[in-house]
Amino acid sequence: MDVPPDADEAGGSDGGIEADYDPEVLALLDAWEPPPGGPPTMPTRLVTWRRTSLAGAVMAGMAFGLREVLEPERRDQVVIEVDAGAGQDEGPLVLRLDPDDPAGSWCVVRRVR
């Protein structure tokens, strides 16, 4: 990947994350652990009713059918325009998108002082 030479590594070159946060916040960040088994999922009563009953399945099918009829699929093409002379490397955010290979896209976030 092509990364500009002035791009900082993760954490920056002038003190890292410790320079940006209070010790209390850093302690809370270090103590955080993700919930076991991923985030909890709690289906609502309406979702449970729709999935478990015949009437719910029929009504959901009708709703999807109405959506297909009343709101046809949009086939708009995404257009990305870049003004080459706009000084796009001067701001705190540099974004390079590769439309042919999304894995080749990159972003640099600079600290604003």
PDB file of N, CA and C in Angstrom:
ATOM      1  N   MET A   1       0.832  -1.185   0.000  1.00  0.00           N
ATOM      2  CA  MET A   1       0.000   0.000   0.000  1.00  0.00           C
ATOM      3  C   MET A   1       0.875   1.247   0.000  1.00  0.00           C
ATOM      4  N   ASP A   2       0.401   2.286  -0.643  1.00  0.00           N
ATOM      5  CA  ASP A   2       1.113   3.545  -0.664  1.00  0.00           C
ATOM      6  C   ASP A   2       0.611   4.415   0.470  1.00  0.00           C
ATOM      7  N   VAL A   3       1.456   4.608   1.472  1.00  0.00           N
ATOM      8  CA  VAL A   3       1.120   5.460   2.607  1.00  0.00           C
ATOM      9  C   VAL A   3       2.092   6.621   2.589  1.00  0.00           C
ATOM     10  N   PRO A   4       1.603   7.841   2.748  1.00  0.00           N
ATOM     11  CA  PRO A   4       2.499   8.988   2.722  1.00  0.00           C
ATOM     12  C   PRO A   4       3.562   8.875   3.809  1.00  0.00           C
ATOM     13  N   PRO A   5       4.789   9.366   3.552  1.00  0.00           N
ATOM     14  CA  PRO A   5       5.863   9.227   4.530  1.00  0.00           C
ATOM     15  C   PRO A   5       5.638  10.016   5.805  1.00  0.00           C
ATOM     16  N   ASP A   6       4.779  11.046   5.777  1.00  0.00           N
ATOM     17  CA  ASP A   6       4.546  11.822   6.989  1.00  0.00           C
ATOM     18  C   ASP A   6       3.422  11.259   7.848  1.00  0.00           C
ATOM     19  N   ALA A   7       2.879  10.107   7.472  1.00  0.00           N
ATOM     20  CA  ALA A   7       1.790   9.505   8.248  1.00  0.00           C
ATOM     21  C   ALA A   7       2.345   8.897   9.519  1.00  0.00           C
ATOM     22  N   ASP A   8       1.707   9.217  10.657  1.00  0.00           N
ATOM     23  CA  ASP A   8       2.131   8.671  11.941  1.00  0.00           C
ATOM     24  C   ASP A   8       1.680   7.238  12.081  1.00  0.00           C
ATOM     25  N   GLU A   9       2.444   6.453  12.815  1.00  0.00           N
ATOM     26  CA  GLU A   9       2.038   5.095  13.151  1.00  0.00           C
ATOM     27  C   GLU A   9       0.888   5.188  14.146  1.00  0.00           C
ATOM     28  N   ALA A  10       0.233   4.053  14.414  1.00  0.00           N
ATOM     29  CA  ALA A  10      -0.851   4.046  15.391  1.00  0.00           C
ATOM     30  C   ALA A  10      -0.301   4.496  16.738  1.00  0.00           C
ATOM     31  N   GLY A  11      -0.950   5.431  17.375  1.00  0.00           N
ATOM     32  CA  GLY A  11      -0.494   5.947  18.653  1.00  0.00           C
ATOM     33  C   GLY A  11       0.297   7.223  18.515  1.00  0.00           C
ATOM     34  N   GLY A  12       0.717   7.571  17.325  1.00  0.00           N
ATOM     35  CA  GLY A  12       1.428   8.822  17.108  1.00  0.00           C
ATOM     36  C   GLY A  12       2.868   8.754  17.535  1.00  0.00           C
ATOM     37  N   SER A  13       3.594   9.792  17.207  1.00  0.00           N
ATOM     38  CA  SER A  13       5.018   9.812  17.516  1.00  0.00           C
ATOM     39  C   SER A  13       5.340  10.779  18.651  1.00  0.00           C
ATOM     40  N   ASP A  14       4.330  11.418  19.233  1.00  0.00           N
ATOM     41  CA  ASP A  14       4.609  12.407  20.277  1.00  0.00           C
ATOM     42  C   ASP A  14       3.932  12.054  21.595  1.00  0.00           C
ATOM     43  N   GLY A  15       4.140  10.842  22.086  1.00  0.00           N
ATOM     44  CA  GLY A  15       3.619  10.479  23.391  1.00  0.00           C
ATOM     45  C   GLY A  15       2.513   9.450  23.351  1.00  0.00           C
ATOM     46  N   GLY A  16       1.932   9.191  22.207  1.00  0.00           N
ATOM     47  CA  GLY A  16       0.912   8.156  22.078  1.00  0.00           C
ATOM     48  C   GLY A  16      -0.395   8.540  22.722  1.00  0.00           C
ATOM     49  N   ILE A  17      -1.170   7.524  23.051  1.00  0.00           N
ATOM     50  CA  ILE A  17      -2.514   7.729  23.596  1.00  0.00           C
ATOM     51  C   ILE A  17      -2.462   8.312  25.005  1.00  0.00           C
ATOM     52  N   GLU A  18      -1.375   8.049  25.728  1.00  0.00           N
ATOM     53  CA  GLU A  18      -1.267   8.542  27.096  1.00  0.00           C
ATOM     54  C   GLU A  18      -1.251  10.070  27.141  1.00  0.00           C
ATOM     55  N   ALA A  19      -0.767  10.710  26.088  1.00  0.00           N
ATOM     56  CA  ALA A  19      -0.710  12.170  26.066  1.00  0.00           C
ATOM     57  C   ALA A  19      -2.077  12.797  25.816  1.00  0.00           C
ATOM     58  N   ASP A  20      -3.017  12.022  25.284  1.00  0.00           N
ATOM     59  CA  ASP A  20      -4.323  12.571  24.919  1.00  0.00           C
ATOM     60  C   ASP A  20      -5.403  12.365  25.979  1.00  0.00           C
ATOM     61  N   TYR A  21      -5.218  11.399  26.899  1.00  0.00           N
ATOM     62  CA  TYR A  21      -6.272  11.050  27.854  1.00  0.00           C
ATOM     63  C   TYR A  21      -5.773  11.155  29.288  1.00  0.00           C
ATOM     64  N   ASP A  22      -6.733  11.395  30.198  1.00  0.00           N
ATOM     65  CA  ASP A  22      -6.431  11.423  31.621  1.00  0.00           C
ATOM     66  C   ASP A  22      -6.142  10.010  32.113  1.00  0.00           C
ATOM     67  N   PRO A  23      -5.406   9.872  33.223  1.00  0.00           N
ATOM     68  CA  PRO A  23      -5.121   8.533  33.760  1.00  0.00           C
ATOM     69  C   PRO A  23      -6.380   7.746  34.124  1.00  0.00           C
ATOM     70  N   GLU A  24      -7.437   8.446  34.576  1.00  0.00           N
ATOM     71  CA  GLU A  24      -8.673   7.745  34.938  1.00  0.00           C
ATOM     72  C   GLU A  24      -9.313   7.105  33.703  1.00  0.00           C
ATOM     73  N   VAL A  25      -9.301   7.854  32.597  1.00  0.00           N
ATOM     74  CA  VAL A  25      -9.879   7.342  31.353  1.00  0.00           C
ATOM     75  C   VAL A  25      -9.054   6.172  30.836  1.00  0.00           C
ATOM     76  N   LEU A  26      -7.738   6.275  30.912  1.00  0.00           N
ATOM     77  CA  LEU A  26      -6.876   5.175  30.469  1.00  0.00           C
ATOM     78  C   LEU A  26      -7.105   3.928  31.311  1.00  0.00           C
ATOM     79  N   ALA A  27      -7.315   4.094  32.629  1.00  0.00           N
ATOM     80  CA  ALA A  27      -7.584   2.941  33.489  1.00  0.00           C
ATOM     81  C   ALA A  27      -8.902   2.280  33.105  1.00  0.00           C
ATOM     82  N   LEU A  28      -9.926   3.085  32.799  1.00  0.00           N
ATOM     83  CA  LEU A  28     -11.201   2.516  32.372  1.00  0.00           C
ATOM     84  C   LEU A  28     -11.071   1.793  31.039  1.00  0.00           C
ATOM     85  N   LEU A  29     -10.301   2.362  30.113  1.00  0.00           N
ATOM     86  CA  LEU A  29     -10.097   1.707  28.821  1.00  0.00           C
ATOM     87  C   LEU A  29      -9.354   0.384  28.979  1.00  0.00           C
ATOM     88  N   ASP A  30      -8.366   0.349  29.859  1.00  0.00           N
ATOM     89  CA  ASP A  30      -7.612  -0.893  30.084  1.00  0.00           C
ATOM     90  C   ASP A  30      -8.458  -1.950  30.777  1.00  0.00           C
ATOM     91  N   ALA A  31      -9.405  -1.536  31.624  1.00  0.00           N
ATOM     92  CA  ALA A  31     -10.215  -2.494  32.373  1.00  0.00           C
ATOM     93  C   ALA A  31     -11.382  -3.044  31.563  1.00  0.00           C
ATOM     94  N   TRP A  32     -11.719  -2.438  30.429  1.00  0.00           N
ATOM     95  CA  TRP A  32     -12.876  -2.872  29.648  1.00  0.00           C
ATOM     96  C   TRP A  32     -12.623  -4.213  28.996  1.00  0.00           C
ATOM     97  N   GLU A  33     -13.619  -5.082  29.036  1.00  0.00           N
ATOM     98  CA  GLU A  33     -13.575  -6.373  28.358  1.00  0.00           C
ATOM     99  C   GLU A  33     -14.865  -6.540  27.573  1.00  0.00           C
ATOM    100  N   PRO A  34     -14.796  -7.127  26.383  1.00  0.00           N
ATOM    101  CA  PRO A  34     -16.026  -7.331  25.615  1.00  0.00           C
ATOM    102  C   PRO A  34     -16.934  -8.332  26.317  1.00  0.00           C
ATOM    103  N   PRO A  35     -18.243  -8.219  26.123  1.00  0.00           N
ATOM    104  CA  PRO A  35     -19.154  -9.155  26.765  1.00  0.00           C
ATOM    105  C   PRO A  35     -18.922 -10.571  26.233  1.00  0.00           C
ATOM    106  N   PRO A  36     -19.043 -11.586  27.085  1.00  0.00           N
ATOM    107  CA  PRO A  36     -18.832 -12.962  26.619  1.00  0.00           C
ATOM    108  C   PRO A  36     -19.904 -13.357  25.608  1.00  0.00           C
ATOM    109  N   GLY A  37     -19.492 -13.952  24.511  1.00  0.00           N
ATOM    110  CA  GLY A  37     -20.439 -14.408  23.497  1.00  0.00           C
ATOM    111  C   GLY A  37     -20.929 -13.312  22.582  1.00  0.00           C
ATOM    112  N   GLY A  38     -20.291 -12.164  22.589  1.00  0.00           N
ATOM    113  CA  GLY A  38     -20.704 -11.080  21.709  1.00  0.00           C
ATOM    114  C   GLY A  38     -21.771 -10.216  22.337  1.00  0.00           C
ATOM    115  N   PRO A  39     -22.243  -9.220  21.616  1.00  0.00           N
ATOM    116  CA  PRO A  39     -23.262  -8.336  22.167  1.00  0.00           C
ATOM    117  C   PRO A  39     -24.589  -9.065  22.348  1.00  0.00           C
ATOM    118  N   PRO A  40     -25.315  -8.719  23.386  1.00  0.00           N
ATOM    119  CA  PRO A  40     -26.597  -9.400  23.607  1.00  0.00           C
ATOM    120  C   PRO A  40     -27.618  -9.002  22.549  1.00  0.00           C
ATOM    121  N   THR A  41     -28.388  -9.968  22.116  1.00  0.00           N
ATOM    122  CA  THR A  41     -29.450  -9.698  21.155  1.00  0.00           C
ATOM    123  C   THR A  41     -30.781 -10.013  21.825  1.00  0.00           C
ATOM    124  N   MET A  42     -31.658  -9.028  21.865  1.00  0.00           N
ATOM    125  CA  MET A  42     -32.962  -9.195  22.490  1.00  0.00           C
ATOM    126  C   MET A  42     -34.031  -8.840  21.472  1.00  0.00           C
ATOM    127  N   PRO A  43     -34.644  -9.829  20.852  1.00  0.00           N
ATOM    128  CA  PRO A  43     -35.680  -9.512  19.881  1.00  0.00           C
ATOM    129  C   PRO A  43     -36.904  -8.917  20.567  1.00  0.00           C
ATOM    130  N   THR A  44     -37.511  -7.984  19.900  1.00  0.00           N
ATOM    131  CA  THR A  44     -38.708  -7.369  20.457  1.00  0.00           C
ATOM    132  C   THR A  44     -39.877  -8.340  20.345  1.00  0.00           C
ATOM    133  N   ARG A  45     -40.958  -8.017  21.004  1.00  0.00           N
ATOM    134  CA  ARG A  45     -42.131  -8.884  20.962  1.00  0.00           C
ATOM    135  C   ARG A  45     -42.690  -8.973  19.552  1.00  0.00           C
ATOM    136  N   LEU A  46     -42.647  -7.863  18.805  1.00  0.00           N
ATOM    137  CA  LEU A  46     -43.161  -7.867  17.448  1.00  0.00           C
ATOM    138  C   LEU A  46     -42.327  -8.779  16.546  1.00  0.00           C
ATOM    139  N   VAL A  47     -41.002  -8.725  16.674  1.00  0.00           N
ATOM    140  CA  VAL A  47     -40.134  -9.581  15.868  1.00  0.00           C
ATOM    141  C   VAL A  47     -40.376 -11.046  16.222  1.00  0.00           C
ATOM    142  N   THR A  48     -40.495 -11.345  17.505  1.00  0.00           N
ATOM    143  CA  THR A  48     -40.745 -12.724  17.929  1.00  0.00           C
ATOM    144  C   THR A  48     -42.088 -13.209  17.402  1.00  0.00           C
ATOM    145  N   TRP A  49     -43.120 -12.364  17.471  1.00  0.00           N
ATOM    146  CA  TRP A  49     -44.443 -12.757  16.982  1.00  0.00           C
ATOM    147  C   TRP A  49     -44.419 -12.992  15.476  1.00  0.00           C
ATOM    148  N   ARG A  50     -43.718 -12.123  14.743  1.00  0.00           N
ATOM    149  CA  ARG A  50     -43.654 -12.253  13.295  1.00  0.00           C
ATOM    150  C   ARG A  50     -42.939 -13.540  12.895  1.00  0.00           C
ATOM    151  N   ARG A  51     -41.909 -13.915  13.632  1.00  0.00           N
ATOM    152  CA  ARG A  51     -41.134 -15.101  13.275  1.00  0.00           C
ATOM    153  C   ARG A  51     -41.798 -16.401  13.707  1.00  0.00           C
ATOM    154  N   THR A  52     -42.615 -16.372  14.727  1.00  0.00           N
ATOM    155  CA  THR A  52     -43.134 -17.628  15.276  1.00  0.00           C
ATOM    156  C   THR A  52     -44.579 -17.919  14.905  1.00  0.00           C
ATOM    157  N   SER A  53     -45.316 -16.966  14.346  1.00  0.00           N
ATOM    158  CA  SER A  53     -46.716 -17.237  14.044  1.00  0.00           C
ATOM    159  C   SER A  53     -46.957 -17.183  12.539  1.00  0.00           C
ATOM    160  N   LEU A  54     -47.941 -17.911  12.095  1.00  0.00           N
ATOM    161  CA  LEU A  54     -48.303 -17.936  10.685  1.00  0.00           C
ATOM    162  C   LEU A  54     -48.840 -16.572  10.247  1.00  0.00           C
ATOM    163  N   ALA A  55     -49.683 -15.969  11.078  1.00  0.00           N
ATOM    164  CA  ALA A  55     -50.232 -14.657  10.735  1.00  0.00           C
ATOM    165  C   ALA A  55     -49.116 -13.613  10.635  1.00  0.00           C
ATOM    166  N   GLY A  56     -48.136 -13.690  11.509  1.00  0.00           N
ATOM    167  CA  GLY A  56     -47.006 -12.766  11.451  1.00  0.00           C
ATOM    168  C   GLY A  56     -46.197 -12.950  10.181  1.00  0.00           C
ATOM    169  N   ALA A  57     -45.989 -14.194   9.772  1.00  0.00           N
ATOM    170  CA  ALA A  57     -45.244 -14.459   8.542  1.00  0.00           C
ATOM    171  C   ALA A  57     -46.004 -13.942   7.322  1.00  0.00           C
ATOM    172  N   VAL A  58     -47.326 -14.129   7.305  1.00  0.00           N
ATOM    173  CA  VAL A  58     -48.135 -13.652   6.179  1.00  0.00           C
ATOM    174  C   VAL A  58     -48.104 -12.125   6.117  1.00  0.00           C
ATOM    175  N   MET A  59     -48.254 -11.471   7.267  1.00  0.00           N
ATOM    176  CA  MET A  59     -48.237 -10.012   7.286  1.00  0.00           C
ATOM    177  C   MET A  59     -46.860  -9.466   6.891  1.00  0.00           C
ATOM    178  N   ALA A  60     -45.801 -10.134   7.326  1.00  0.00           N
ATOM    179  CA  ALA A  60     -44.465  -9.696   6.936  1.00  0.00           C
ATOM    180  C   ALA A  60     -44.272  -9.852   5.432  1.00  0.00           C
ATOM    181  N   GLY A  61     -44.761 -10.944   4.869  1.00  0.00           N
ATOM    182  CA  GLY A  61     -44.685 -11.143   3.422  1.00  0.00           C
ATOM    183  C   GLY A  61     -45.463 -10.081   2.668  1.00  0.00           C
ATOM    184  N   MET A  62     -46.638  -9.722   3.173  1.00  0.00           N
ATOM    185  CA  MET A  62     -47.422  -8.671   2.533  1.00  0.00           C
ATOM    186  C   MET A  62     -46.689  -7.332   2.592  1.00  0.00           C
ATOM    187  N   ALA A  63     -46.066  -7.041   3.721  1.00  0.00           N
ATOM    188  CA  ALA A  63     -45.341  -5.782   3.868  1.00  0.00           C
ATOM    189  C   ALA A  63     -44.164  -5.724   2.890  1.00  0.00           C
ATOM    190  N   PHE A  64     -43.437  -6.831   2.748  1.00  0.00           N
ATOM    191  CA  PHE A  64     -42.319  -6.857   1.802  1.00  0.00           C
ATOM    192  C   PHE A  64     -42.825  -6.728   0.367  1.00  0.00           C
ATOM    193  N   GLY A  65     -43.962  -7.342   0.066  1.00  0.00           N
ATOM    194  CA  GLY A  65     -44.536  -7.220  -1.278  1.00  0.00           C
ATOM    195  C   GLY A  65     -44.963  -5.798  -1.579  1.00  0.00           C
ATOM    196  N   LEU A  66     -45.602  -5.141  -0.608  1.00  0.00           N
ATOM    197  CA  LEU A  66     -46.000  -3.747  -0.796  1.00  0.00           C
ATOM    198  C   LEU A  66     -44.784  -2.845  -0.990  1.00  0.00           C
ATOM    199  N   ARG A  67     -43.733  -3.136  -0.245  1.00  0.00           N
ATOM    200  CA  ARG A  67     -42.518  -2.340  -0.408  1.00  0.00           C
ATOM    201  C   ARG A  67     -41.940  -2.505  -1.817  1.00  0.00           C
ATOM    202  N   GLU A  68     -41.984  -3.720  -2.358  1.00  0.00           N
ATOM    203  CA  GLU A  68     -41.484  -3.957  -3.714  1.00  0.00           C
ATOM    204  C   GLU A  68     -42.304  -3.191  -4.749  1.00  0.00           C
ATOM    205  N   VAL A  69     -43.622  -3.113  -4.522  1.00  0.00           N
ATOM    206  CA  VAL A  69     -44.491  -2.450  -5.486  1.00  0.00           C
ATOM    207  C   VAL A  69     -44.388  -0.935  -5.376  1.00  0.00           C
ATOM    208  N   LEU A  70     -44.453  -0.431  -4.152  1.00  0.00           N
ATOM    209  CA  LEU A  70     -44.508   1.014  -3.943  1.00  0.00           C
ATOM    210  C   LEU A  70     -43.138   1.689  -3.991  1.00  0.00           C
ATOM    211  N   GLU A  71     -42.099   0.952  -3.678  1.00  0.00           N
ATOM    212  CA  GLU A  71     -40.761   1.533  -3.644  1.00  0.00           C
ATOM    213  C   GLU A  71     -39.826   0.648  -4.467  1.00  0.00           C
ATOM    214  N   PRO A  72     -39.812   0.830  -5.783  1.00  0.00           N
ATOM    215  CA  PRO A  72     -38.967  -0.030  -6.621  1.00  0.00           C
ATOM    216  C   PRO A  72     -37.491   0.169  -6.298  1.00  0.00           C
ATOM    217  N   GLU A  73     -36.714  -0.850  -6.617  1.00  0.00           N
ATOM    218  CA  GLU A  73     -35.285  -0.819  -6.326  1.00  0.00           C
ATOM    219  C   GLU A  73     -34.607   0.299  -7.119  1.00  0.00           C
ATOM    220  N   ARG A  74     -33.799   1.059  -6.435  1.00  0.00           N
ATOM    221  CA  ARG A  74     -33.089   2.158  -7.082  1.00  0.00           C
ATOM    222  C   ARG A  74     -31.808   1.615  -7.700  1.00  0.00           C
ATOM    223  N   ARG A  75     -31.555   2.006  -8.898  1.00  0.00           N
ATOM    224  CA  ARG A  75     -30.356   1.553  -9.598  1.00  0.00           C
ATOM    225  C   ARG A  75     -29.432   2.738  -9.896  1.00  0.00           C
ATOM    226  N   ASP A  76     -29.297   3.634  -8.928  1.00  0.00           N
ATOM    227  CA  ASP A  76     -28.416   4.778  -9.093  1.00  0.00           C
ATOM    228  C   ASP A  76     -26.969   4.325  -8.973  1.00  0.00           C
ATOM    229  N   GLN A  77     -26.137   4.834  -9.839  1.00  0.00           N
ATOM    230  CA  GLN A  77     -24.723   4.507  -9.788  1.00  0.00           C
ATOM    231  C   GLN A  77     -24.021   5.514  -8.880  1.00  0.00           C
ATOM    232  N   VAL A  78     -23.148   5.011  -8.028  1.00  0.00           N
ATOM    233  CA  VAL A  78     -22.397   5.866  -7.131  1.00  0.00           C
ATOM    234  C   VAL A  78     -21.283   6.532  -7.920  1.00  0.00           C
ATOM    235  N   VAL A  79     -21.217   7.843  -7.818  1.00  0.00           N
ATOM    236  CA  VAL A  79     -20.203   8.597  -8.536  1.00  0.00           C
ATOM    237  C   VAL A  79     -19.302   9.272  -7.509  1.00  0.00           C
ATOM    238  N   ILE A  80     -17.999   9.063  -7.642  1.00  0.00           N
ATOM    239  CA  ILE A  80     -17.032   9.695  -6.751  1.00  0.00           C
ATOM    240  C   ILE A  80     -16.250  10.699  -7.577  1.00  0.00           C
ATOM    241  N   GLU A  81     -16.345  11.967  -7.193  1.00  0.00           N
ATOM    242  CA  GLU A  81     -15.626  13.015  -7.891  1.00  0.00           C
ATOM    243  C   GLU A  81     -14.568  13.590  -6.964  1.00  0.00           C
ATOM    244  N   VAL A  82     -13.363  13.746  -7.492  1.00  0.00           N
ATOM    245  CA  VAL A  82     -12.276  14.311  -6.714  1.00  0.00           C
ATOM    246  C   VAL A  82     -11.682  15.466  -7.505  1.00  0.00           C
ATOM    247  N   ASP A  83     -11.605  16.621  -6.870  1.00  0.00           N
ATOM    248  CA  ASP A  83     -10.976  17.776  -7.481  1.00  0.00           C
ATOM    249  C   ASP A  83      -9.489  17.700  -7.164  1.00  0.00           C
ATOM    250  N   ALA A  84      -8.675  17.414  -8.163  1.00  0.00           N
ATOM    251  CA  ALA A  84      -7.256  17.166  -7.951  1.00  0.00           C
ATOM    252  C   ALA A  84      -6.515  18.386  -7.424  1.00  0.00           C
ATOM    253  N   GLY A  85      -6.971  19.570  -7.686  1.00  0.00           N
ATOM    254  CA  GLY A  85      -6.257  20.763  -7.244  1.00  0.00           C
ATOM    255  C   GLY A  85      -6.792  21.351  -5.965  1.00  0.00           C
ATOM    256  N   ALA A  86      -7.527  20.623  -5.173  1.00  0.00           N
ATOM    257  CA  ALA A  86      -8.192  21.188  -3.997  1.00  0.00           C
ATOM    258  C   ALA A  86      -7.347  21.116  -2.743  1.00  0.00           C
ATOM    259  N   GLY A  87      -6.113  20.637  -2.792  1.00  0.00           N
ATOM    260  CA  GLY A  87      -5.290  20.542  -1.586  1.00  0.00           C
ATOM    261  C   GLY A  87      -5.812  19.504  -0.627  1.00  0.00           C
ATOM    262  N   GLN A  88      -6.106  18.328  -1.114  1.00  0.00           N
ATOM    263  CA  GLN A  88      -6.761  17.319  -0.303  1.00  0.00           C
ATOM    264  C   GLN A  88      -5.847  16.672   0.730  1.00  0.00           C
ATOM    265  N   ASP A  89      -4.534  16.899   0.663  1.00  0.00           N
ATOM    266  CA  ASP A  89      -3.617  16.318   1.647  1.00  0.00           C
ATOM    267  C   ASP A  89      -3.313  17.269   2.793  1.00  0.00           C
ATOM    268  N   GLU A  90      -3.960  18.428   2.827  1.00  0.00           N
ATOM    269  CA  GLU A  90      -3.632  19.435   3.827  1.00  0.00           C
ATOM    270  C   GLU A  90      -4.430  19.313   5.110  1.00  0.00           C
ATOM    271  N   GLY A  91      -5.541  18.637   5.105  1.00  0.00           N
ATOM    272  CA  GLY A  91      -6.397  18.571   6.278  1.00  0.00           C
ATOM    273  C   GLY A  91      -5.996  17.473   7.239  1.00  0.00           C
ATOM    274  N   PRO A  92      -6.771  17.315   8.318  1.00  0.00           N
ATOM    275  CA  PRO A  92      -6.465  16.278   9.305  1.00  0.00           C
ATOM    276  C   PRO A  92      -6.838  14.876   8.838  1.00  0.00           C
ATOM    277  N   LEU A  93      -7.564  14.763   7.735  1.00  0.00           N
ATOM    278  CA  LEU A  93      -8.006  13.461   7.253  1.00  0.00           C
ATOM    279  C   LEU A  93      -7.643  13.323   5.780  1.00  0.00           C
ATOM    280  N   VAL A  94      -6.875  12.281   5.459  1.00  0.00           N
ATOM    281  CA  VAL A  94      -6.516  11.988   4.075  1.00  0.00           C
ATOM    282  C   VAL A  94      -7.111  10.631   3.746  1.00  0.00           C
ATOM    283  N   LEU A  95      -7.928  10.586   2.720  1.00  0.00           N
ATOM    284  CA  LEU A  95      -8.624   9.364   2.351  1.00  0.00           C
ATOM    285  C   LEU A  95      -8.337   9.055   0.899  1.00  0.00           C
ATOM    286  N   ARG A  96      -7.808   7.875   0.636  1.00  0.00           N
ATOM    287  CA  ARG A  96      -7.536   7.422  -0.729  1.00  0.00           C
ATOM    288  C   ARG A  96      -8.361   6.172  -0.983  1.00  0.00           C
ATOM    289  N   LEU A  97      -9.307   6.274  -1.890  1.00  0.00           N
ATOM    290  CA  LEU A  97     -10.177   5.149  -2.224  1.00  0.00           C
ATOM    291  C   LEU A  97      -9.757   4.565  -3.549  1.00  0.00           C
ATOM    292  N   ASP A  98      -9.653   3.251  -3.595  1.00  0.00           N
ATOM    293  CA  ASP A  98      -9.350   2.539  -4.831  1.00  0.00           C
ATOM    294  C   ASP A  98     -10.645   1.851  -5.260  1.00  0.00           C
ATOM    295  N   PRO A  99     -11.353   2.368  -6.284  1.00  0.00           N
ATOM    296  CA  PRO A  99     -12.646   1.790  -6.653  1.00  0.00           C
ATOM    297  C   PRO A  99     -12.530   0.383  -7.222  1.00  0.00           C
ATOM    298  N   ASP A 100     -11.363   0.029  -7.767  1.00  0.00           N
ATOM    299  CA  ASP A 100     -11.202  -1.309  -8.324  1.00  0.00           C
ATOM    300  C   ASP A 100     -10.847  -2.346  -7.271  1.00  0.00           C
ATOM    301  N   ASP A 101     -10.171  -1.928  -6.197  1.00  0.00           N
ATOM    302  CA  ASP A 101      -9.739  -2.849  -5.150  1.00  0.00           C
ATOM    303  C   ASP A 101      -9.933  -2.175  -3.797  1.00  0.00           C
ATOM    304  N   PRO A 102     -11.060  -2.412  -3.109  1.00  0.00           N
ATOM    305  CA  PRO A 102     -11.308  -1.751  -1.826  1.00  0.00           C
ATOM    306  C   PRO A 102     -10.227  -2.039  -0.780  1.00  0.00           C
ATOM    307  N   ALA A 103      -9.543  -3.183  -0.890  1.00  0.00           N
ATOM    308  CA  ALA A 103      -8.482  -3.477   0.067  1.00  0.00           C
ATOM    309  C   ALA A 103      -7.293  -2.542  -0.131  1.00  0.00           C
ATOM    310  N   GLY A 104      -7.183  -1.912  -1.283  1.00  0.00           N
ATOM    311  CA  GLY A 104      -6.106  -0.979  -1.550  1.00  0.00           C
ATOM    312  C   GLY A 104      -6.405   0.430  -1.079  1.00  0.00           C
ATOM    313  N   SER A 105      -7.568   0.674  -0.514  1.00  0.00           N
ATOM    314  CA  SER A 105      -7.919   1.995   0.003  1.00  0.00           C
ATOM    315  C   SER A 105      -7.260   2.198   1.354  1.00  0.00           C
ATOM    316  N   TRP A 106      -6.953   3.463   1.685  1.00  0.00           N
ATOM    317  CA  TRP A 106      -6.363   3.750   2.977  1.00  0.00           C
ATOM    318  C   TRP A 106      -6.767   5.136   3.454  1.00  0.00           C
ATOM    319  N   CYS A 107      -6.600   5.342   4.757  1.00  0.00           N
ATOM    320  CA  CYS A 107      -6.982   6.594   5.393  1.00  0.00           C
ATOM    321  C   CYS A 107      -5.921   6.969   6.409  1.00  0.00           C
ATOM    322  N   VAL A 108      -5.548   8.245   6.449  1.00  0.00           N
ATOM    323  CA  VAL A 108      -4.600   8.744   7.439  1.00  0.00           C
ATOM    324  C   VAL A 108      -5.321   9.818   8.239  1.00  0.00           C
ATOM    325  N   VAL A 109      -5.303   9.670   9.565  1.00  0.00           N
ATOM    326  CA  VAL A 109      -5.910  10.655  10.460  1.00  0.00           C
ATOM    327  C   VAL A 109      -4.781  11.325  11.232  1.00  0.00           C
ATOM    328  N   ARG A 110      -4.661  12.625  11.045  1.00  0.00           N
ATOM    329  CA  ARG A 110      -3.609  13.377  11.739  1.00  0.00           C
ATOM    330  C   ARG A 110      -4.206  14.105  12.930  1.00  0.00           C
ATOM    331  N   ARG A 111      -3.418  14.237  13.957  1.00  0.00           N
ATOM    332  CA  ARG A 111      -3.848  14.934  15.157  1.00  0.00           C
ATOM    333  C   ARG A 111      -3.908  16.427  14.874  1.00  0.00           C
ATOM    334  N   VAL A 112      -4.991  17.083  15.268  1.00  0.00           N
ATOM    335  CA  VAL A 112      -5.160  18.517  15.083  1.00  0.00           C
ATOM    336  C   VAL A 112      -4.643  19.204  16.327  1.00  0.00           C
ATOM    337  N   ARG A 113      -3.780  20.154  16.110  1.00  0.00           N
ATOM    338  CA  ARG A 113      -3.194  20.840  17.278  1.00  0.00           C
ATOM    339  C   ARG A 113      -3.641  22.252  17.340  1.00  0.00           C
TER     340      ARG A 113
END
